[in-house]
Amino acid sequence: MEYVLTMILCAYVEGKTTCMPPHKFDEIYVDGYSCMLDGYTKSFDKIVELGRDDVNKFNIYIKFGCNENIADKTTTSSKPIESEI
């Protein structure tokens, strides 16, 4: 099964949480484990990039998830129905 990583960057300011739209990475992972490890690494890197001052000032946090890659899968409703005659 293949996995994709999706991240959401959020801030908590003046009692209100605001999140950016989800960002889906192009990488495809062979398993959930490798996807999760990369999610933590990418989250860490982004927090470092933003810097201590902005992270603390805007209470920035990152949520991420690893989900099954369904981009190339066909739904059952779009498959032709074969009738038995």
PDB file of N, CA and C in Angstrom:
ATOM      1  N   MET A   1       0.836  -1.165   0.000  1.00  0.00           N
ATOM      2  CA  MET A   1       0.000   0.000   0.000  1.00  0.00           C
ATOM      3  C   MET A   1       0.892   1.243   0.000  1.00  0.00           C
ATOM      4  N   GLU A   2       0.526   2.249  -0.769  1.00  0.00           N
ATOM      5  CA  GLU A   2       1.282   3.491  -0.835  1.00  0.00           C
ATOM      6  C   GLU A   2       0.602   4.561   0.019  1.00  0.00           C
ATOM      7  N   TYR A   3       1.414   5.495   0.534  1.00  0.00           N
ATOM      8  CA  TYR A   3       0.905   6.556   1.399  1.00  0.00           C
ATOM      9  C   TYR A   3       1.345   7.923   0.897  1.00  0.00           C
ATOM     10  N   VAL A   4       0.534   8.934   1.211  1.00  0.00           N
ATOM     11  CA  VAL A   4       0.867  10.325   0.922  1.00  0.00           C
ATOM     12  C   VAL A   4       0.815  11.113   2.230  1.00  0.00           C
ATOM     13  N   LEU A   5       1.648  12.144   2.293  1.00  0.00           N
ATOM     14  CA  LEU A   5       1.749  12.992   3.475  1.00  0.00           C
ATOM     15  C   LEU A   5       1.011  14.301   3.234  1.00  0.00           C
ATOM     16  N   THR A   6       0.159  14.667   4.177  1.00  0.00           N
ATOM     17  CA  THR A   6      -0.560  15.934   4.112  1.00  0.00           C
ATOM     18  C   THR A   6      -0.308  16.692   5.409  1.00  0.00           C
ATOM     19  N   MET A   7       0.021  17.993   5.279  1.00  0.00           N
ATOM     20  CA  MET A   7       0.304  18.817   6.459  1.00  0.00           C
ATOM     21  C   MET A   7      -0.610  20.030   6.488  1.00  0.00           C
ATOM     22  N   ILE A   8      -0.918  20.470   7.708  1.00  0.00           N
ATOM     23  CA  ILE A   8      -1.717  21.670   7.919  1.00  0.00           C
ATOM     24  C   ILE A   8      -0.995  22.530   8.945  1.00  0.00           C
ATOM     25  N   LEU A   9      -0.742  23.791   8.596  1.00  0.00           N
ATOM     26  CA  LEU A   9      -0.092  24.751   9.475  1.00  0.00           C
ATOM     27  C   LEU A   9      -1.173  25.615  10.114  1.00  0.00           C
ATOM     28  N   CYS A  10      -1.167  25.682  11.444  1.00  0.00           N
ATOM     29  CA  CYS A  10      -2.184  26.423  12.182  1.00  0.00           C
ATOM     30  C   CYS A  10      -1.544  27.415  13.145  1.00  0.00           C
ATOM     31  N   ALA A  11      -2.320  28.440  13.495  1.00  0.00           N
ATOM     32  CA  ALA A  11      -1.902  29.426  14.495  1.00  0.00           C
ATOM     33  C   ALA A  11      -3.075  29.685  15.430  1.00  0.00           C
ATOM     34  N   TYR A  12      -2.764  29.947  16.686  1.00  0.00           N
ATOM     35  CA  TYR A  12      -3.776  30.243  17.691  1.00  0.00           C
ATOM     36  C   TYR A  12      -3.503  31.647  18.212  1.00  0.00           C
ATOM     37  N   VAL A  13      -4.313  32.613  17.748  1.00  0.00           N
ATOM     38  CA  VAL A  13      -4.106  34.010  18.096  1.00  0.00           C
ATOM     39  C   VAL A  13      -5.413  34.598  18.613  1.00  0.00           C
ATOM     40  N   GLU A  14      -5.323  35.297  19.745  1.00  0.00           N
ATOM     41  CA  GLU A  14      -6.470  35.968  20.350  1.00  0.00           C
ATOM     42  C   GLU A  14      -7.674  35.038  20.502  1.00  0.00           C
ATOM     43  N   GLY A  15      -7.413  33.826  20.949  1.00  0.00           N
ATOM     44  CA  GLY A  15      -8.480  32.873  21.216  1.00  0.00           C
ATOM     45  C   GLY A  15      -9.097  32.221  19.997  1.00  0.00           C
ATOM     46  N   LYS A  16      -8.479  32.404  18.841  1.00  0.00           N
ATOM     47  CA  LYS A  16      -9.028  31.841  17.612  1.00  0.00           C
ATOM     48  C   LYS A  16      -7.961  31.044  16.872  1.00  0.00           C
ATOM     49  N   THR A  17      -8.325  29.835  16.453  1.00  0.00           N
ATOM     50  CA  THR A  17      -7.426  29.005  15.658  1.00  0.00           C
ATOM     51  C   THR A  17      -7.690  29.249  14.180  1.00  0.00           C
ATOM     52  N   THR A  18      -6.630  29.490  13.451  1.00  0.00           N
ATOM     53  CA  THR A  18      -6.715  29.665  12.001  1.00  0.00           C
ATOM     54  C   THR A  18      -5.712  28.721  11.362  1.00  0.00           C
ATOM     55  N   CYS A  19      -6.170  27.975  10.370  1.00  0.00           N
ATOM     56  CA  CYS A  19      -5.295  27.025   9.686  1.00  0.00           C
ATOM     57  C   CYS A  19      -5.239  27.330   8.195  1.00  0.00           C
ATOM     58  N   MET A  20      -4.083  27.099   7.624  1.00  0.00           N
ATOM     59  CA  MET A  20      -3.923  27.220   6.180  1.00  0.00           C
ATOM     60  C   MET A  20      -4.545  25.993   5.525  1.00  0.00           C
ATOM     61  N   PRO A  21      -4.840  26.064   4.235  1.00  0.00           N
ATOM     62  CA  PRO A  21      -5.351  24.877   3.539  1.00  0.00           C
ATOM     63  C   PRO A  21      -4.318  23.740   3.608  1.00  0.00           C
ATOM     64  N   PRO A  22      -4.785  22.498   3.611  1.00  0.00           N
ATOM     65  CA  PRO A  22      -3.846  21.361   3.661  1.00  0.00           C
ATOM     66  C   PRO A  22      -2.877  21.373   2.482  1.00  0.00           C
ATOM     67  N   HIS A  23      -1.642  20.969   2.762  1.00  0.00           N
ATOM     68  CA  HIS A  23      -0.621  20.845   1.719  1.00  0.00           C
ATOM     69  C   HIS A  23      -0.279  19.372   1.559  1.00  0.00           C
ATOM     70  N   LYS A  24      -0.529  18.847   0.368  1.00  0.00           N
ATOM     71  CA  LYS A  24      -0.212  17.447   0.069  1.00  0.00           C
ATOM     72  C   LYS A  24       1.130  17.401  -0.652  1.00  0.00           C
ATOM     73  N   PHE A  25       2.054  16.632  -0.113  1.00  0.00           N
ATOM     74  CA  PHE A  25       3.376  16.491  -0.723  1.00  0.00           C
ATOM     75  C   PHE A  25       3.317  15.512  -1.891  1.00  0.00           C
ATOM     76  N   ASP A  26       4.224  15.686  -2.849  1.00  0.00           N
ATOM     77  CA  ASP A  26       4.255  14.834  -4.043  1.00  0.00           C
ATOM     78  C   ASP A  26       4.854  13.457  -3.786  1.00  0.00           C
ATOM     79  N   GLU A  27       5.668  13.344  -2.742  1.00  0.00           N
ATOM     80  CA  GLU A  27       6.321  12.063  -2.458  1.00  0.00           C
ATOM     81  C   GLU A  27       5.286  10.965  -2.185  1.00  0.00           C
ATOM     82  N   ILE A  28       5.613   9.783  -2.632  1.00  0.00           N
ATOM     83  CA  ILE A  28       4.804   8.594  -2.345  1.00  0.00           C
ATOM     84  C   ILE A  28       5.643   7.703  -1.438  1.00  0.00           C
ATOM     85  N   TYR A  29       5.043   7.234  -0.349  1.00  0.00           N
ATOM     86  CA  TYR A  29       5.750   6.419   0.636  1.00  0.00           C
ATOM     87  C   TYR A  29       5.281   4.966   0.535  1.00  0.00           C
ATOM     88  N   VAL A  30       6.216   4.060   0.741  1.00  0.00           N
ATOM     89  CA  VAL A  30       5.914   2.629   0.613  1.00  0.00           C
ATOM     90  C   VAL A  30       5.149   2.085   1.813  1.00  0.00           C
ATOM     91  N   ASP A  31       5.223   2.804   2.941  1.00  0.00           N
ATOM     92  CA  ASP A  31       4.484   2.354   4.123  1.00  0.00           C
ATOM     93  C   ASP A  31       4.216   3.535   5.052  1.00  0.00           C
ATOM     94  N   GLY A  32       3.333   3.305   6.007  1.00  0.00           N
ATOM     95  CA  GLY A  32       2.972   4.342   6.950  1.00  0.00           C
ATOM     96  C   GLY A  32       4.131   4.788   7.817  1.00  0.00           C
ATOM     97  N   TYR A  33       5.009   3.883   8.149  1.00  0.00           N
ATOM     98  CA  TYR A  33       6.164   4.180   8.995  1.00  0.00           C
ATOM     99  C   TYR A  33       7.055   5.249   8.367  1.00  0.00           C
ATOM    100  N   SER A  34       7.447   5.032   7.111  1.00  0.00           N
ATOM    101  CA  SER A  34       8.332   5.995   6.450  1.00  0.00           C
ATOM    102  C   SER A  34       7.628   7.336   6.233  1.00  0.00           C
ATOM    103  N   CYS A  35       6.348   7.303   5.991  1.00  0.00           N
ATOM    104  CA  CYS A  35       5.578   8.537   5.844  1.00  0.00           C
ATOM    105  C   CYS A  35       5.540   9.318   7.158  1.00  0.00           C
ATOM    106  N   MET A  36       5.298   8.623   8.255  1.00  0.00           N
ATOM    107  CA  MET A  36       5.249   9.284   9.562  1.00  0.00           C
ATOM    108  C   MET A  36       6.607   9.885   9.929  1.00  0.00           C
ATOM    109  N   LEU A  37       7.676   9.149   9.701  1.00  0.00           N
ATOM    110  CA  LEU A  37       9.003   9.679   9.999  1.00  0.00           C
ATOM    111  C   LEU A  37       9.274  10.957   9.211  1.00  0.00           C
ATOM    112  N   ASP A  38       8.908  10.950   7.930  1.00  0.00           N
ATOM    113  CA  ASP A  38       9.126  12.133   7.109  1.00  0.00           C
ATOM    114  C   ASP A  38       8.206  13.278   7.541  1.00  0.00           C
ATOM    115  N   GLY A  39       7.011  12.950   8.002  1.00  0.00           N
ATOM    116  CA  GLY A  39       6.101  13.974   8.514  1.00  0.00           C
ATOM    117  C   GLY A  39       6.685  14.696   9.711  1.00  0.00           C
ATOM    118  N   TYR A  40       7.266  13.944  10.636  1.00  0.00           N
ATOM    119  CA  TYR A  40       7.905  14.571  11.796  1.00  0.00           C
ATOM    120  C   TYR A  40       9.117  15.405  11.368  1.00  0.00           C
ATOM    121  N   THR A  41       9.896  14.901  10.422  1.00  0.00           N
ATOM    122  CA  THR A  41      11.067  15.631   9.945  1.00  0.00           C
ATOM    123  C   THR A  41      10.654  16.929   9.257  1.00  0.00           C
ATOM    124  N   LYS A  42       9.668  16.848   8.364  1.00  0.00           N
ATOM    125  CA  LYS A  42       9.214  18.045   7.654  1.00  0.00           C
ATOM    126  C   LYS A  42       8.577  19.049   8.623  1.00  0.00           C
ATOM    127  N   SER A  43       7.854  18.573   9.621  1.00  0.00           N
ATOM    128  CA  SER A  43       7.266  19.467  10.626  1.00  0.00           C
ATOM    129  C   SER A  43       8.366  20.181  11.404  1.00  0.00           C
ATOM    130  N   PHE A  44       9.356  19.428  11.838  1.00  0.00           N
ATOM    131  CA  PHE A  44      10.497  19.995  12.558  1.00  0.00           C
ATOM    132  C   PHE A  44      11.184  21.068  11.718  1.00  0.00           C
ATOM    133  N   ASP A  45      11.471  20.728  10.451  1.00  0.00           N
ATOM    134  CA  ASP A  45      12.160  21.661   9.561  1.00  0.00           C
ATOM    135  C   ASP A  45      11.364  22.948   9.367  1.00  0.00           C
ATOM    136  N   LYS A  46      10.052  22.842   9.241  1.00  0.00           N
ATOM    137  CA  LYS A  46       9.208  24.016   9.036  1.00  0.00           C
ATOM    138  C   LYS A  46       9.178  24.901  10.280  1.00  0.00           C
ATOM    139  N   ILE A  47       9.101  24.289  11.453  1.00  0.00           N
ATOM    140  CA  ILE A  47       9.109  25.069  12.697  1.00  0.00           C
ATOM    141  C   ILE A  47      10.442  25.813  12.842  1.00  0.00           C
ATOM    142  N   VAL A  48      11.545  25.147  12.524  1.00  0.00           N
ATOM    143  CA  VAL A  48      12.865  25.792  12.575  1.00  0.00           C
ATOM    144  C   VAL A  48      12.925  26.934  11.565  1.00  0.00           C
ATOM    145  N   GLU A  49      12.400  26.696  10.362  1.00  0.00           N
ATOM    146  CA  GLU A  49      12.393  27.730   9.318  1.00  0.00           C
ATOM    147  C   GLU A  49      11.589  28.961   9.760  1.00  0.00           C
ATOM    148  N   LEU A  50      10.457  28.755  10.396  1.00  0.00           N
ATOM    149  CA  LEU A  50       9.620  29.873  10.856  1.00  0.00           C
ATOM    150  C   LEU A  50      10.295  30.656  11.973  1.00  0.00           C
ATOM    151  N   GLY A  51      11.027  29.951  12.811  1.00  0.00           N
ATOM    152  CA  GLY A  51      11.776  30.607  13.883  1.00  0.00           C
ATOM    153  C   GLY A  51      11.017  30.709  15.192  1.00  0.00           C
ATOM    154  N   ARG A  52      11.785  30.772  16.258  1.00  0.00           N
ATOM    155  CA  ARG A  52      11.251  30.813  17.622  1.00  0.00           C
ATOM    156  C   ARG A  52      10.287  31.985  17.831  1.00  0.00           C
ATOM    157  N   ASP A  53      10.675  33.175  17.350  1.00  0.00           N
ATOM    158  CA  ASP A  53       9.859  34.365  17.603  1.00  0.00           C
ATOM    159  C   ASP A  53       8.452  34.236  17.019  1.00  0.00           C
ATOM    160  N   ASP A  54       8.358  33.878  15.734  1.00  0.00           N
ATOM    161  CA  ASP A  54       7.039  33.763  15.104  1.00  0.00           C
ATOM    162  C   ASP A  54       6.237  32.590  15.655  1.00  0.00           C
ATOM    163  N   VAL A  55       6.897  31.461  15.898  1.00  0.00           N
ATOM    164  CA  VAL A  55       6.195  30.300  16.452  1.00  0.00           C
ATOM    165  C   VAL A  55       5.581  30.666  17.798  1.00  0.00           C
ATOM    166  N   ASN A  56       6.341  31.362  18.642  1.00  0.00           N
ATOM    167  CA  ASN A  56       5.828  31.751  19.954  1.00  0.00           C
ATOM    168  C   ASN A  56       4.801  32.883  19.865  1.00  0.00           C
ATOM    169  N   LYS A  57       5.056  33.858  19.009  1.00  0.00           N
ATOM    170  CA  LYS A  57       4.149  35.000  18.871  1.00  0.00           C
ATOM    171  C   LYS A  57       2.773  34.582  18.370  1.00  0.00           C
ATOM    172  N   PHE A  58       2.726  33.663  17.395  1.00  0.00           N
ATOM    173  CA  PHE A  58       1.473  33.256  16.785  1.00  0.00           C
ATOM    174  C   PHE A  58       0.998  31.876  17.235  1.00  0.00           C
ATOM    175  N   ASN A  59       1.694  31.283  18.209  1.00  0.00           N
ATOM    176  CA  ASN A  59       1.331  29.942  18.698  1.00  0.00           C
ATOM    177  C   ASN A  59       1.128  28.969  17.533  1.00  0.00           C
ATOM    178  N   ILE A  60       2.123  28.902  16.674  1.00  0.00           N
ATOM    179  CA  ILE A  60       2.044  28.074  15.469  1.00  0.00           C
ATOM    180  C   ILE A  60       2.251  26.603  15.820  1.00  0.00           C
ATOM    181  N   TYR A  61       1.438  25.770  15.198  1.00  0.00           N
ATOM    182  CA  TYR A  61       1.624  24.326  15.326  1.00  0.00           C
ATOM    183  C   TYR A  61       1.287  23.667  13.997  1.00  0.00           C
ATOM    184  N   ILE A  62       1.771  22.453  13.828  1.00  0.00           N
ATOM    185  CA  ILE A  62       1.596  21.721  12.579  1.00  0.00           C
ATOM    186  C   ILE A  62       0.906  20.400  12.866  1.00  0.00           C
ATOM    187  N   LYS A  63      -0.095  20.113  12.048  1.00  0.00           N
ATOM    188  CA  LYS A  63      -0.761  18.800  12.084  1.00  0.00           C
ATOM    189  C   LYS A  63      -0.410  18.095  10.781  1.00  0.00           C
ATOM    190  N   PHE A  64      -0.222  16.790  10.843  1.00  0.00           N
ATOM    191  CA  PHE A  64       0.015  16.053   9.608  1.00  0.00           C
ATOM    192  C   PHE A  64      -0.582  14.663   9.710  1.00  0.00           C
ATOM    193  N   GLY A  65      -0.795  14.083   8.553  1.00  0.00           N
ATOM    194  CA  GLY A  65      -1.332  12.726   8.508  1.00  0.00           C
ATOM    195  C   GLY A  65      -0.800  11.985   7.301  1.00  0.00           C
ATOM    196  N   CYS A  66      -0.761  10.680   7.427  1.00  0.00           N
ATOM    197  CA  CYS A  66      -0.346   9.802   6.337  1.00  0.00           C
ATOM    198  C   CYS A  66      -1.556   8.960   5.952  1.00  0.00           C
ATOM    199  N   ASN A  67      -1.981   9.120   4.719  1.00  0.00           N
ATOM    200  CA  ASN A  67      -3.170   8.426   4.251  1.00  0.00           C
ATOM    201  C   ASN A  67      -2.858   7.590   3.023  1.00  0.00           C
ATOM    202  N   GLU A  68      -3.673   6.578   2.824  1.00  0.00           N
ATOM    203  CA  GLU A  68      -3.504   5.719   1.665  1.00  0.00           C
ATOM    204  C   GLU A  68      -3.618   6.552   0.399  1.00  0.00           C
ATOM    205  N   ASN A  69      -2.730   6.307  -0.550  1.00  0.00           N
ATOM    206  CA  ASN A  69      -2.753   7.008  -1.831  1.00  0.00           C
ATOM    207  C   ASN A  69      -3.861   6.417  -2.692  1.00  0.00           C
ATOM    208  N   ILE A  70      -4.902   7.187  -2.902  1.00  0.00           N
ATOM    209  CA  ILE A  70      -6.026   6.693  -3.708  1.00  0.00           C
ATOM    210  C   ILE A  70      -6.089   7.381  -5.068  1.00  0.00           C
ATOM    211  N   ALA A  71      -5.045   8.131  -5.421  1.00  0.00           N
ATOM    212  CA  ALA A  71      -5.035   8.898  -6.666  1.00  0.00           C
ATOM    213  C   ALA A  71      -5.184   8.020  -7.899  1.00  0.00           C
ATOM    214  N   ASP A  72      -4.608   6.853  -7.886  1.00  0.00           N
ATOM    215  CA  ASP A  72      -4.646   5.988  -9.069  1.00  0.00           C
ATOM    216  C   ASP A  72      -5.647   4.852  -8.959  1.00  0.00           C
ATOM    217  N   LYS A  73      -6.489   4.906  -7.952  1.00  0.00           N
ATOM    218  CA  LYS A  73      -7.447   3.820  -7.764  1.00  0.00           C
ATOM    219  C   LYS A  73      -8.778   4.176  -8.432  1.00  0.00           C
ATOM    220  N   THR A  74      -9.464   3.164  -8.895  1.00  0.00           N
ATOM    221  CA  THR A  74     -10.768   3.336  -9.514  1.00  0.00           C
ATOM    222  C   THR A  74     -11.839   2.996  -8.491  1.00  0.00           C
ATOM    223  N   THR A  75     -12.838   3.849  -8.394  1.00  0.00           N
ATOM    224  CA  THR A  75     -13.923   3.564  -7.464  1.00  0.00           C
ATOM    225  C   THR A  75     -14.779   2.440  -8.013  1.00  0.00           C
ATOM    226  N   THR A  76     -15.445   1.747  -7.126  1.00  0.00           N
ATOM    227  CA  THR A  76     -16.278   0.631  -7.570  1.00  0.00           C
ATOM    228  C   THR A  76     -17.455   1.101  -8.401  1.00  0.00           C
ATOM    229  N   SER A  77     -17.923   2.316  -8.179  1.00  0.00           N
ATOM    230  CA  SER A  77     -19.074   2.814  -8.936  1.00  0.00           C
ATOM    231  C   SER A  77     -18.719   3.128 -10.392  1.00  0.00           C
ATOM    232  N   SER A  78     -17.439   3.282 -10.712  1.00  0.00           N
ATOM    233  CA  SER A  78     -17.062   3.594 -12.088  1.00  0.00           C
ATOM    234  C   SER A  78     -16.635   2.361 -12.871  1.00  0.00           C
ATOM    235  N   LYS A  79     -16.651   1.206 -12.230  1.00  0.00           N
ATOM    236  CA  LYS A  79     -16.311  -0.019 -12.930  1.00  0.00           C
ATOM    237  C   LYS A  79     -17.558  -0.537 -13.649  1.00  0.00           C
ATOM    238  N   PRO A  80     -17.379  -1.053 -14.844  1.00  0.00           N
ATOM    239  CA  PRO A  80     -18.544  -1.581 -15.575  1.00  0.00           C
ATOM    240  C   PRO A  80     -19.146  -2.790 -14.862  1.00  0.00           C
ATOM    241  N   ILE A  81     -20.447  -2.866 -14.941  1.00  0.00           N
ATOM    242  CA  ILE A  81     -21.153  -3.986 -14.324  1.00  0.00           C
ATOM    243  C   ILE A  81     -21.302  -5.074 -15.371  1.00  0.00           C
ATOM    244  N   GLU A  82     -20.841  -6.254 -15.014  1.00  0.00           N
ATOM    245  CA  GLU A  82     -20.947  -7.381 -15.919  1.00  0.00           C
ATOM    246  C   GLU A  82     -22.184  -8.173 -15.547  1.00  0.00           C
ATOM    247  N   SER A  83     -23.075  -8.333 -16.496  1.00  0.00           N
ATOM    248  CA  SER A  83     -24.290  -9.097 -16.200  1.00  0.00           C
ATOM    249  C   SER A  83     -24.098 -10.529 -16.667  1.00  0.00           C
ATOM    250  N   GLU A  84     -24.661 -11.420 -15.923  1.00  0.00           N
ATOM    251  CA  GLU A  84     -24.572 -12.838 -16.279  1.00  0.00           C
ATOM    252  C   GLU A  84     -25.828 -13.209 -17.038  1.00  0.00           C
ATOM    253  N   ILE A  85     -25.661 -13.716 -18.240  1.00  0.00           N
ATOM    254  CA  ILE A  85     -26.814 -14.103 -19.076  1.00  0.00           C
ATOM    255  C   ILE A  85     -26.716 -15.560 -19.391  1.00  0.00           C
TER     256      ILE A  85
END
